[in-house]
């Protein structure tokens, strides 16, 4: 079961770069699909928003795997290049997350920090 994930959300493509944005999107899909097929990630999902404020949130991607797998993706030069390309064509956010079997440890850490800070 996955321990970590990369959550990417995006909004509006920069005006005039729509075609470029689609090409970069395809490159990212290919990267993640290849990583999954090679066993470098456990799973990869994409969602495209169809209702609501799609200018602010047009879609999301979740790539899941072990902590080591996710760290390896984040450190991969090809992945870093894709992130650099995306910054030039679309407004997006990318965060690494704990998931699955890592959730209890994350909750323990948060509770410990709250206790240390005197937050009840």
Protein backbone atom coordinates (compact mmCIF):
# COMPACT_ATOMS: atom_id res chain seq x y z
CA UNK A 1 0.00 0.00 0.00
CA UNK A 2 1.20 3.51 -0.85
CA UNK A 3 2.86 5.62 1.83
CA UNK A 4 3.31 8.84 -0.11
CA UNK A 5 1.86 10.75 -3.01
CA UNK A 6 2.37 13.77 -5.20
CA UNK A 7 -0.80 15.84 -5.54
CA UNK A 8 -0.84 18.30 -8.42
CA UNK A 9 -3.74 20.65 -9.09
CA UNK A 10 -4.00 23.22 -11.83
CA UNK A 11 -6.16 26.06 -12.98
CA UNK A 12 -6.14 28.32 -15.97
CA UNK A 13 -3.63 27.86 -18.77
CA UNK A 14 -1.70 31.05 -19.51
CA UNK A 15 -3.37 32.90 -22.39
CA UNK A 16 -1.75 32.13 -25.73
CA UNK A 17 -0.12 28.94 -24.43
CA UNK A 18 -3.10 26.58 -24.64
CA UNK A 19 -1.60 24.26 -27.27
CA UNK A 20 1.70 24.26 -25.45
CA UNK A 21 -0.16 23.42 -22.25
CA UNK A 22 -1.78 20.38 -23.85
CA UNK A 23 1.59 19.14 -25.08
CA UNK A 24 3.11 19.47 -21.60
CA UNK A 25 0.05 17.76 -20.11
CA UNK A 26 0.57 14.83 -22.50
CA UNK A 27 4.25 14.66 -21.55
CA UNK A 28 3.36 14.49 -17.85
CA UNK A 29 0.78 11.76 -18.49
CA UNK A 30 3.36 9.77 -20.45
CA UNK A 31 5.95 10.23 -17.67
CA UNK A 32 3.61 9.00 -14.94
CA UNK A 33 2.22 6.13 -17.04
CA UNK A 34 5.76 4.97 -17.83
CA UNK A 35 6.79 5.25 -14.17
CA UNK A 36 3.80 3.15 -13.13
CA UNK A 37 4.44 0.54 -15.85
CA UNK A 38 8.10 0.31 -14.77
CA UNK A 39 7.13 -0.19 -11.11
CA UNK A 40 8.52 3.20 -10.10
CA UNK A 41 5.08 4.23 -8.78
CA UNK A 42 2.19 2.16 -7.46
CA UNK A 43 -0.60 4.17 -9.04
CA UNK A 44 -1.42 7.30 -10.97
CA UNK A 45 -4.81 9.01 -11.37
CA UNK A 46 -6.03 12.10 -13.22
CA UNK A 47 -9.24 14.04 -12.79
CA UNK A 48 -10.56 16.85 -14.98
CA UNK A 49 -13.03 19.20 -13.33
CA UNK A 50 -16.28 19.72 -15.22
CA UNK A 51 -18.24 22.00 -12.90
CA UNK A 52 -17.54 24.71 -10.36
CA UNK A 53 -14.75 27.26 -10.55
CA UNK A 54 -12.78 25.45 -13.25
CA UNK A 55 -10.64 28.54 -13.80
CA UNK A 56 -9.22 28.10 -10.31
CA UNK A 57 -9.28 24.28 -10.29
CA UNK A 58 -9.35 22.63 -13.70
CA UNK A 59 -7.99 19.24 -12.67
CA UNK A 60 -5.72 17.14 -10.52
CA UNK A 61 -3.18 14.33 -10.67
CA UNK A 62 -2.26 11.96 -7.86
CA UNK A 63 0.84 9.78 -8.15
CA UNK A 64 1.20 7.24 -5.33
CA UNK A 65 3.92 4.93 -4.15
CA UNK A 66 6.30 4.14 -1.34
CA UNK A 67 8.12 7.04 0.26
CA UNK A 68 11.27 6.00 -1.62
CA UNK A 69 9.43 5.85 -4.96
CA UNK A 70 7.88 9.29 -4.53
CA UNK A 71 11.18 10.81 -3.40
CA UNK A 72 12.88 9.27 -6.44
CA UNK A 73 10.30 10.82 -8.78
CA UNK A 74 10.69 14.22 -7.12
CA UNK A 75 14.48 13.96 -7.53
CA UNK A 76 14.34 12.74 -11.15
CA UNK A 77 15.79 15.26 -13.60
CA UNK A 78 13.17 14.40 -16.25
CA UNK A 79 10.40 15.10 -13.72
CA UNK A 80 12.03 18.39 -12.70
CA UNK A 81 12.13 19.44 -16.36
CA UNK A 82 8.41 18.69 -16.73
CA UNK A 83 7.67 20.79 -13.65
CA UNK A 84 9.75 23.62 -15.11
CA UNK A 85 7.83 23.39 -18.39
CA UNK A 86 4.49 23.41 -16.57
CA UNK A 87 5.38 26.60 -14.69
CA UNK A 88 5.55 28.37 -18.04
CA UNK A 89 2.14 27.28 -19.32
CA UNK A 90 -0.31 26.87 -16.42
CA UNK A 91 -1.03 27.99 -12.87
CA UNK A 92 -0.57 24.91 -10.69
CA UNK A 93 0.22 23.63 -7.24
CA UNK A 94 2.20 20.52 -6.36
CA UNK A 95 2.63 19.03 -2.90
CA UNK A 96 3.99 15.79 -1.52
CA UNK A 97 1.63 14.02 0.87
CA UNK A 98 1.51 11.16 3.33
CA UNK A 99 -1.06 8.53 2.46
CA UNK A 100 -2.08 4.96 3.23
CA UNK A 101 0.17 3.29 5.78
CA UNK A 102 1.98 6.56 6.57
CA UNK A 103 -1.16 8.31 7.88
CA UNK A 104 -0.92 7.01 11.48
CA UNK A 105 2.67 8.28 11.75
CA UNK A 106 1.67 11.68 10.36
CA UNK A 107 -1.17 11.97 12.85
CA UNK A 108 1.15 10.96 15.71
CA UNK A 109 3.65 13.62 14.66
CA UNK A 110 0.92 16.29 14.51
CA UNK A 111 -0.40 15.32 17.94
CA UNK A 112 3.13 15.39 19.37
CA UNK A 113 3.78 18.85 17.95
CA UNK A 114 0.45 20.14 19.25
CA UNK A 115 1.27 18.78 22.70
CA UNK A 116 4.76 20.31 22.58
CA UNK A 117 3.26 23.69 21.64
CA UNK A 118 0.54 23.47 24.29
CA UNK A 119 -2.28 23.34 21.76
CA UNK A 120 -5.19 21.29 22.96
